[in-house]
């Protein structure tokens, strides 16, 4: 069975790069472009791993992570960020 990954980032280009690479390696990939959208996905489906942007408008990655950990503590999460330089 293919592992399911959730990619959460407000930048569509970044999400598409992750989706492309992960699918190439055989993962099933779902995406979310905001914190609230991510929490909705997490309430509907189980994931084997998450890539989570630290800086997003409305609800940042740390808040999403905190809410996720209240319900599910075992999902591996990789935090992402980009430099504005």
PDB file of N, CA and C in Angstrom:
ATOM      1  N   UNK A   1       0.838  -1.183   0.000  1.00  0.00           N
ATOM      2  CA  UNK A   1       0.000   0.000   0.000  1.00  0.00           C
ATOM      3  C   UNK A   1       0.886   1.251   0.000  1.00  0.00           C
ATOM      4  N   UNK A   2       0.529   2.212  -0.836  1.00  0.00           N
ATOM      5  CA  UNK A   2       1.305   3.448  -0.930  1.00  0.00           C
ATOM      6  C   UNK A   2       1.059   4.331   0.289  1.00  0.00           C
ATOM      7  N   UNK A   3       2.106   4.925   0.787  1.00  0.00           N
ATOM      8  CA  UNK A   3       1.991   5.836   1.930  1.00  0.00           C
ATOM      9  C   UNK A   3       1.388   7.162   1.489  1.00  0.00           C
ATOM     10  N   UNK A   4       0.604   7.760   2.397  1.00  0.00           N
ATOM     11  CA  UNK A   4      -0.079   9.020   2.101  1.00  0.00           C
ATOM     12  C   UNK A   4       0.639  10.173   2.793  1.00  0.00           C
ATOM     13  N   UNK A   5       0.901  11.214   2.030  1.00  0.00           N
ATOM     14  CA  UNK A   5       1.602  12.397   2.521  1.00  0.00           C
ATOM     15  C   UNK A   5       0.719  13.615   2.290  1.00  0.00           C
ATOM     16  N   UNK A   6       0.708  14.515   3.279  1.00  0.00           N
ATOM     17  CA  UNK A   6       0.012  15.797   3.142  1.00  0.00           C
ATOM     18  C   UNK A   6       1.058  16.899   3.040  1.00  0.00           C
ATOM     19  N   UNK A   7       0.977  17.694   1.989  1.00  0.00           N
ATOM     20  CA  UNK A   7       1.868  18.837   1.790  1.00  0.00           C
ATOM     21  C   UNK A   7       1.056  20.096   2.028  1.00  0.00           C
ATOM     22  N   UNK A   8       1.517  20.928   2.969  1.00  0.00           N
ATOM     23  CA  UNK A   8       0.793  22.144   3.357  1.00  0.00           C
ATOM     24  C   UNK A   8       1.706  23.345   3.135  1.00  0.00           C
ATOM     25  N   UNK A   9       1.323  24.207   2.224  1.00  0.00           N
ATOM     26  CA  UNK A   9       2.093  25.421   1.946  1.00  0.00           C
ATOM     27  C   UNK A   9       1.189  26.384   1.195  1.00  0.00           C
ATOM     28  N   UNK A  10       1.330  27.673   1.452  1.00  0.00           N
ATOM     29  CA  UNK A  10       0.498  28.658   0.778  1.00  0.00           C
ATOM     30  C   UNK A  10       1.034  29.032  -0.607  1.00  0.00           C
ATOM     31  N   UNK A  11       2.218  28.546  -0.955  1.00  0.00           N
ATOM     32  CA  UNK A  11       2.789  28.836  -2.271  1.00  0.00           C
ATOM     33  C   UNK A  11       2.559  27.635  -3.191  1.00  0.00           C
ATOM     34  N   UNK A  12       1.731  27.846  -4.181  1.00  0.00           N
ATOM     35  CA  UNK A  12       1.322  26.762  -5.069  1.00  0.00           C
ATOM     36  C   UNK A  12       2.501  26.109  -5.787  1.00  0.00           C
ATOM     37  N   UNK A  13       3.493  26.908  -6.192  1.00  0.00           N
ATOM     38  CA  UNK A  13       4.652  26.339  -6.893  1.00  0.00           C
ATOM     39  C   UNK A  13       5.399  25.340  -6.011  1.00  0.00           C
ATOM     40  N   UNK A  14       5.567  25.658  -4.758  1.00  0.00           N
ATOM     41  CA  UNK A  14       6.270  24.762  -3.828  1.00  0.00           C
ATOM     42  C   UNK A  14       5.481  23.475  -3.640  1.00  0.00           C
ATOM     43  N   UNK A  15       4.175  23.610  -3.473  1.00  0.00           N
ATOM     44  CA  UNK A  15       3.323  22.430  -3.308  1.00  0.00           C
ATOM     45  C   UNK A  15       3.442  21.513  -4.528  1.00  0.00           C
ATOM     46  N   UNK A  16       3.433  22.084  -5.711  1.00  0.00           N
ATOM     47  CA  UNK A  16       3.506  21.279  -6.928  1.00  0.00           C
ATOM     48  C   UNK A  16       4.851  20.570  -7.073  1.00  0.00           C
ATOM     49  N   UNK A  17       5.940  21.225  -6.672  1.00  0.00           N
ATOM     50  CA  UNK A  17       7.252  20.573  -6.720  1.00  0.00           C
ATOM     51  C   UNK A  17       7.272  19.376  -5.773  1.00  0.00           C
ATOM     52  N   UNK A  18       6.792  19.571  -4.549  1.00  0.00           N
ATOM     53  CA  UNK A  18       6.736  18.466  -3.596  1.00  0.00           C
ATOM     54  C   UNK A  18       5.845  17.337  -4.104  1.00  0.00           C
ATOM     55  N   UNK A  19       4.675  17.698  -4.623  1.00  0.00           N
ATOM     56  CA  UNK A  19       3.765  16.681  -5.141  1.00  0.00           C
ATOM     57  C   UNK A  19       4.436  15.869  -6.243  1.00  0.00           C
ATOM     58  N   UNK A  20       5.052  16.545  -7.184  1.00  0.00           N
ATOM     59  CA  UNK A  20       5.708  15.871  -8.302  1.00  0.00           C
ATOM     60  C   UNK A  20       6.786  14.912  -7.815  1.00  0.00           C
ATOM     61  N   UNK A  21       7.655  15.373  -6.944  1.00  0.00           N
ATOM     62  CA  UNK A  21       8.764  14.534  -6.479  1.00  0.00           C
ATOM     63  C   UNK A  21       8.252  13.359  -5.648  1.00  0.00           C
ATOM     64  N   UNK A  22       7.318  13.607  -4.739  1.00  0.00           N
ATOM     65  CA  UNK A  22       6.810  12.532  -3.884  1.00  0.00           C
ATOM     66  C   UNK A  22       6.050  11.483  -4.696  1.00  0.00           C
ATOM     67  N   UNK A  23       5.251  11.913  -5.657  1.00  0.00           N
ATOM     68  CA  UNK A  23       4.530  10.956  -6.502  1.00  0.00           C
ATOM     69  C   UNK A  23       5.505  10.131  -7.340  1.00  0.00           C
ATOM     70  N   UNK A  24       6.610  10.739  -7.762  1.00  0.00           N
ATOM     71  CA  UNK A  24       7.635  10.010  -8.504  1.00  0.00           C
ATOM     72  C   UNK A  24       8.176   8.848  -7.675  1.00  0.00           C
ATOM     73  N   UNK A  25       8.249   9.045  -6.363  1.00  0.00           N
ATOM     74  CA  UNK A  25       8.750   8.002  -5.462  1.00  0.00           C
ATOM     75  C   UNK A  25       7.640   7.088  -4.947  1.00  0.00           C
ATOM     76  N   UNK A  26       6.450   7.227  -5.496  1.00  0.00           N
ATOM     77  CA  UNK A  26       5.387   6.284  -5.186  1.00  0.00           C
ATOM     78  C   UNK A  26       4.447   6.659  -4.057  1.00  0.00           C
ATOM     79  N   UNK A  27       4.557   7.870  -3.535  1.00  0.00           N
ATOM     80  CA  UNK A  27       3.656   8.311  -2.473  1.00  0.00           C
ATOM     81  C   UNK A  27       2.334   8.816  -3.050  1.00  0.00           C
ATOM     82  N   UNK A  28       1.254   8.659  -2.288  1.00  0.00           N
ATOM     83  CA  UNK A  28      -0.010   9.343  -2.593  1.00  0.00           C
ATOM     84  C   UNK A  28       0.066  10.696  -1.906  1.00  0.00           C
ATOM     85  N   UNK A  29      -0.252  11.754  -2.614  1.00  0.00           N
ATOM     86  CA  UNK A  29      -0.070  13.104  -2.072  1.00  0.00           C
ATOM     87  C   UNK A  29      -1.385  13.865  -2.079  1.00  0.00           C
ATOM     88  N   UNK A  30      -1.714  14.435  -0.922  1.00  0.00           N
ATOM     89  CA  UNK A  30      -2.807  15.398  -0.809  1.00  0.00           C
ATOM     90  C   UNK A  30      -2.175  16.740  -0.481  1.00  0.00           C
ATOM     91  N   UNK A  31      -2.891  17.819  -0.795  1.00  0.00           N
ATOM     92  CA  UNK A  31      -2.329  19.147  -0.568  1.00  0.00           C
ATOM     93  C   UNK A  31      -3.323  20.042   0.150  1.00  0.00           C
ATOM     94  N   UNK A  32      -2.773  21.038   0.820  1.00  0.00           N
ATOM     95  CA  UNK A  32      -3.570  22.095   1.440  1.00  0.00           C
ATOM     96  C   UNK A  32      -2.777  23.390   1.303  1.00  0.00           C
ATOM     97  N   UNK A  33      -3.490  24.485   1.086  1.00  0.00           N
ATOM     98  CA  UNK A  33      -2.839  25.770   0.849  1.00  0.00           C
ATOM     99  C   UNK A  33      -3.012  26.753   2.000  1.00  0.00           C
ATOM    100  N   UNK A  34      -3.569  26.273   3.116  1.00  0.00           N
ATOM    101  CA  UNK A  34      -3.729  27.112   4.308  1.00  0.00           C
ATOM    102  C   UNK A  34      -3.852  26.213   5.531  1.00  0.00           C
ATOM    103  N   UNK A  35      -3.675  26.818   6.706  1.00  0.00           N
ATOM    104  CA  UNK A  35      -3.829  26.064   7.941  1.00  0.00           C
ATOM    105  C   UNK A  35      -5.222  25.468   8.109  1.00  0.00           C
ATOM    106  N   UNK A  36      -6.273  26.270   7.954  1.00  0.00           N
ATOM    107  CA  UNK A  36      -7.622  25.712   8.093  1.00  0.00           C
ATOM    108  C   UNK A  36      -7.911  24.590   7.095  1.00  0.00           C
ATOM    109  N   UNK A  37      -7.451  24.742   5.856  1.00  0.00           N
ATOM    110  CA  UNK A  37      -7.646  23.692   4.859  1.00  0.00           C
ATOM    111  C   UNK A  37      -6.905  22.415   5.275  1.00  0.00           C
ATOM    112  N   UNK A  38      -5.716  22.577   5.838  1.00  0.00           N
ATOM    113  CA  UNK A  38      -4.936  21.427   6.307  1.00  0.00           C
ATOM    114  C   UNK A  38      -5.656  20.701   7.433  1.00  0.00           C
ATOM    115  N   UNK A  39      -6.181  21.445   8.390  1.00  0.00           N
ATOM    116  CA  UNK A  39      -6.893  20.817   9.505  1.00  0.00           C
ATOM    117  C   UNK A  39      -8.130  20.073   9.014  1.00  0.00           C
ATOM    118  N   UNK A  40      -8.782  20.614   8.009  1.00  0.00           N
ATOM    119  CA  UNK A  40      -9.931  19.926   7.410  1.00  0.00           C
ATOM    120  C   UNK A  40      -9.488  18.602   6.780  1.00  0.00           C
ATOM    121  N   UNK A  41      -8.400  18.621   6.034  1.00  0.00           N
ATOM    122  CA  UNK A  41      -7.869  17.391   5.421  1.00  0.00           C
ATOM    123  C   UNK A  41      -7.500  16.375   6.504  1.00  0.00           C
ATOM    124  N   UNK A  42      -6.875  16.856   7.569  1.00  0.00           N
ATOM    125  CA  UNK A  42      -6.446  15.964   8.643  1.00  0.00           C
ATOM    126  C   UNK A  42      -7.620  15.355   9.394  1.00  0.00           C
ATOM    127  N   UNK A  43      -8.752  16.038   9.405  1.00  0.00           N
ATOM    128  CA  UNK A  43      -9.928  15.485  10.078  1.00  0.00           C
ATOM    129  C   UNK A  43     -10.637  14.450   9.211  1.00  0.00           C
ATOM    130  N   UNK A  44     -10.400  14.493   7.889  1.00  0.00           N
ATOM    131  CA  UNK A  44     -11.080  13.590   6.962  1.00  0.00           C
ATOM    132  C   UNK A  44     -10.271  12.345   6.621  1.00  0.00           C
ATOM    133  N   UNK A  45      -8.946  12.427   6.762  1.00  0.00           N
ATOM    134  CA  UNK A  45      -8.108  11.342   6.261  1.00  0.00           C
ATOM    135  C   UNK A  45      -6.884  11.159   7.155  1.00  0.00           C
ATOM    136  N   UNK A  46      -6.376   9.933   7.209  1.00  0.00           N
ATOM    137  CA  UNK A  46      -5.148   9.623   7.945  1.00  0.00           C
ATOM    138  C   UNK A  46      -3.962   9.746   6.993  1.00  0.00           C
ATOM    139  N   UNK A  47      -2.856  10.289   7.502  1.00  0.00           N
ATOM    140  CA  UNK A  47      -1.648  10.450   6.709  1.00  0.00           C
ATOM    141  C   UNK A  47      -0.474   9.783   7.398  1.00  0.00           C
ATOM    142  N   UNK A  48       0.507   9.378   6.590  1.00  0.00           N
ATOM    143  CA  UNK A  48       1.719   8.760   7.114  1.00  0.00           C
ATOM    144  C   UNK A  48       2.816   9.782   7.375  1.00  0.00           C
ATOM    145  N   UNK A  49       2.671  10.975   6.825  1.00  0.00           N
ATOM    146  CA  UNK A  49       3.655  12.027   7.016  1.00  0.00           C
ATOM    147  C   UNK A  49       3.129  13.348   6.489  1.00  0.00           C
ATOM    148  N   UNK A  50       3.737  14.433   6.980  1.00  0.00           N
ATOM    149  CA  UNK A  50       3.292  15.783   6.618  1.00  0.00           C
ATOM    150  C   UNK A  50       4.509  16.667   6.357  1.00  0.00           C
ATOM    151  N   UNK A  51       4.430  17.453   5.283  1.00  0.00           N
ATOM    152  CA  UNK A  51       5.363  18.548   5.042  1.00  0.00           C
ATOM    153  C   UNK A  51       4.574  19.823   5.307  1.00  0.00           C
ATOM    154  N   UNK A  52       5.043  20.656   6.231  1.00  0.00           N
ATOM    155  CA  UNK A  52       4.261  21.786   6.734  1.00  0.00           C
ATOM    156  C   UNK A  52       5.068  23.070   6.701  1.00  0.00           C
ATOM    157  N   UNK A  53       4.564  24.058   5.978  1.00  0.00           N
ATOM    158  CA  UNK A  53       5.196  25.375   5.910  1.00  0.00           C
ATOM    159  C   UNK A  53       5.047  26.084   7.249  1.00  0.00           C
ATOM    160  N   UNK A  54       6.119  26.679   7.709  1.00  0.00           N
ATOM    161  CA  UNK A  54       6.104  27.393   8.979  1.00  0.00           C
ATOM    162  C   UNK A  54       5.339  28.708   8.888  1.00  0.00           C
ATOM    163  N   UNK A  55       5.537  29.420   7.776  1.00  0.00           N
ATOM    164  CA  UNK A  55       4.937  30.754   7.631  1.00  0.00           C
ATOM    165  C   UNK A  55       3.820  30.741   6.584  1.00  0.00           C
ATOM    166  N   UNK A  56       2.603  30.881   7.082  1.00  0.00           N
ATOM    167  CA  UNK A  56       1.438  30.988   6.197  1.00  0.00           C
ATOM    168  C   UNK A  56       0.525  32.060   6.762  1.00  0.00           C
ATOM    169  N   UNK A  57      -0.211  32.773   5.897  1.00  0.00           N
ATOM    170  CA  UNK A  57      -1.157  33.759   6.402  1.00  0.00           C
ATOM    171  C   UNK A  57      -2.309  33.073   7.139  1.00  0.00           C
ATOM    172  N   UNK A  58      -2.955  33.786   7.993  1.00  0.00           N
ATOM    173  CA  UNK A  58      -4.124  33.333   8.757  1.00  0.00           C
ATOM    174  C   UNK A  58      -3.762  32.370   9.885  1.00  0.00           C
ATOM    175  N   UNK A  59      -3.124  31.257   9.576  1.00  0.00           N
ATOM    176  CA  UNK A  59      -2.756  30.277  10.595  1.00  0.00           C
ATOM    177  C   UNK A  59      -1.402  29.684  10.214  1.00  0.00           C
ATOM    178  N   UNK A  60      -0.397  29.973  11.017  1.00  0.00           N
ATOM    179  CA  UNK A  60       0.948  29.503  10.730  1.00  0.00           C
ATOM    180  C   UNK A  60       1.132  28.024  11.018  1.00  0.00           C
ATOM    181  N   UNK A  61       2.257  27.504  10.578  1.00  0.00           N
ATOM    182  CA  UNK A  61       2.559  26.102  10.726  1.00  0.00           C
ATOM    183  C   UNK A  61       2.638  25.635  12.171  1.00  0.00           C
ATOM    184  N   UNK A  62       3.139  26.489  13.066  1.00  0.00           N
ATOM    185  CA  UNK A  62       3.227  26.079  14.471  1.00  0.00           C
ATOM    186  C   UNK A  62       1.848  25.869  15.084  1.00  0.00           C
ATOM    187  N   UNK A  63       0.893  26.711  14.725  1.00  0.00           N
ATOM    188  CA  UNK A  63      -0.474  26.522  15.225  1.00  0.00           C
ATOM    189  C   UNK A  63      -1.101  25.255  14.647  1.00  0.00           C
ATOM    190  N   UNK A  64      -0.869  25.018  13.364  1.00  0.00           N
ATOM    191  CA  UNK A  64      -1.369  23.778  12.754  1.00  0.00           C
ATOM    192  C   UNK A  64      -0.757  22.575  13.463  1.00  0.00           C
ATOM    193  N   UNK A  65       0.549  22.631  13.712  1.00  0.00           N
ATOM    194  CA  UNK A  65       1.235  21.536  14.390  1.00  0.00           C
ATOM    195  C   UNK A  65       0.678  21.314  15.790  1.00  0.00           C
ATOM    196  N   UNK A  66       0.446  22.397  16.514  1.00  0.00           N
ATOM    197  CA  UNK A  66      -0.112  22.282  17.864  1.00  0.00           C
ATOM    198  C   UNK A  66      -1.486  21.604  17.835  1.00  0.00           C
ATOM    199  N   UNK A  67      -2.330  22.023  16.933  1.00  0.00           N
ATOM    200  CA  UNK A  67      -3.669  21.414  16.835  1.00  0.00           C
ATOM    201  C   UNK A  67      -3.595  19.955  16.389  1.00  0.00           C
ATOM    202  N   UNK A  68      -2.673  19.661  15.493  1.00  0.00           N
ATOM    203  CA  UNK A  68      -2.471  18.282  15.056  1.00  0.00           C
ATOM    204  C   UNK A  68      -2.039  17.417  16.234  1.00  0.00           C
ATOM    205  N   UNK A  69      -1.095  17.888  17.025  1.00  0.00           N
ATOM    206  CA  UNK A  69      -0.559  17.115  18.142  1.00  0.00           C
ATOM    207  C   UNK A  69      -1.604  16.870  19.230  1.00  0.00           C
ATOM    208  N   UNK A  70      -2.604  17.734  19.323  1.00  0.00           N
ATOM    209  CA  UNK A  70      -3.687  17.508  20.291  1.00  0.00           C
ATOM    210  C   UNK A  70      -4.474  16.254  19.950  1.00  0.00           C
ATOM    211  N   UNK A  71      -4.522  15.902  18.664  1.00  0.00           N
ATOM    212  CA  UNK A  71      -5.311  14.756  18.214  1.00  0.00           C
ATOM    213  C   UNK A  71      -4.448  13.562  17.830  1.00  0.00           C
ATOM    214  N   UNK A  72      -3.301  13.820  17.244  1.00  0.00           N
ATOM    215  CA  UNK A  72      -2.466  12.742  16.693  1.00  0.00           C
ATOM    216  C   UNK A  72      -0.995  13.088  16.922  1.00  0.00           C
ATOM    217  N   UNK A  73      -0.364  12.345  17.807  1.00  0.00           N
ATOM    218  CA  UNK A  73       1.010  12.692  18.151  1.00  0.00           C
ATOM    219  C   UNK A  73       2.062  11.911  17.371  1.00  0.00           C
ATOM    220  N   UNK A  74       1.651  10.904  16.631  1.00  0.00           N
ATOM    221  CA  UNK A  74       2.630  10.009  16.021  1.00  0.00           C
ATOM    222  C   UNK A  74       2.977  10.318  14.565  1.00  0.00           C
ATOM    223  N   UNK A  75       2.277  11.221  13.920  1.00  0.00           N
ATOM    224  CA  UNK A  75       2.557  11.502  12.506  1.00  0.00           C
ATOM    225  C   UNK A  75       3.869  12.289  12.395  1.00  0.00           C
ATOM    226  N   UNK A  76       4.828  11.802  11.599  1.00  0.00           N
ATOM    227  CA  UNK A  76       6.051  12.571  11.371  1.00  0.00           C
ATOM    228  C   UNK A  76       5.735  13.854  10.594  1.00  0.00           C
ATOM    229  N   UNK A  77       6.320  14.969  11.048  1.00  0.00           N
ATOM    230  CA  UNK A  77       6.104  16.269  10.411  1.00  0.00           C
ATOM    231  C   UNK A  77       7.456  16.886  10.089  1.00  0.00           C
ATOM    232  N   UNK A  78       7.617  17.321   8.843  1.00  0.00           N
ATOM    233  CA  UNK A  78       8.798  18.064   8.427  1.00  0.00           C
ATOM    234  C   UNK A  78       8.362  19.511   8.245  1.00  0.00           C
ATOM    235  N   UNK A  79       8.981  20.404   9.014  1.00  0.00           N
ATOM    236  CA  UNK A  79       8.643  21.827   8.927  1.00  0.00           C
ATOM    237  C   UNK A  79       9.480  22.468   7.820  1.00  0.00           C
ATOM    238  N   UNK A  80       8.835  23.313   7.022  1.00  0.00           N
ATOM    239  CA  UNK A  80       9.473  23.984   5.898  1.00  0.00           C
ATOM    240  C   UNK A  80       9.426  25.499   6.088  1.00  0.00           C
ATOM    241  N   UNK A  81      10.400  26.196   5.555  1.00  0.00           N
ATOM    242  CA  UNK A  81      10.345  27.643   5.503  1.00  0.00           C
ATOM    243  C   UNK A  81      11.237  28.116   4.379  1.00  0.00           C
ATOM    244  N   UNK A  82      10.985  29.318   3.908  1.00  0.00           N
ATOM    245  CA  UNK A  82      11.827  29.895   2.869  1.00  0.00           C
ATOM    246  C   UNK A  82      12.347  31.218   3.364  1.00  0.00           C
ATOM    247  N   UNK A  83      13.440  31.632   2.797  1.00  0.00           N
ATOM    248  CA  UNK A  83      14.049  32.904   3.154  1.00  0.00           C
ATOM    249  C   UNK A  83      13.449  33.989   2.265  1.00  0.00           C
ATOM    250  N   UNK A  84      13.234  35.156   2.829  1.00  0.00           N
ATOM    251  CA  UNK A  84      12.719  36.292   2.057  1.00  0.00           C
ATOM    252  C   UNK A  84      13.839  37.186   1.557  1.00  0.00           C
ATOM    253  N   UNK A  85      15.053  36.718   1.620  1.00  0.00           N
ATOM    254  CA  UNK A  85      16.210  37.537   1.197  1.00  0.00           C
ATOM    255  C   UNK A  85      16.359  37.523  -0.286  1.00  0.00           C
TER     256      UNK A  85
END
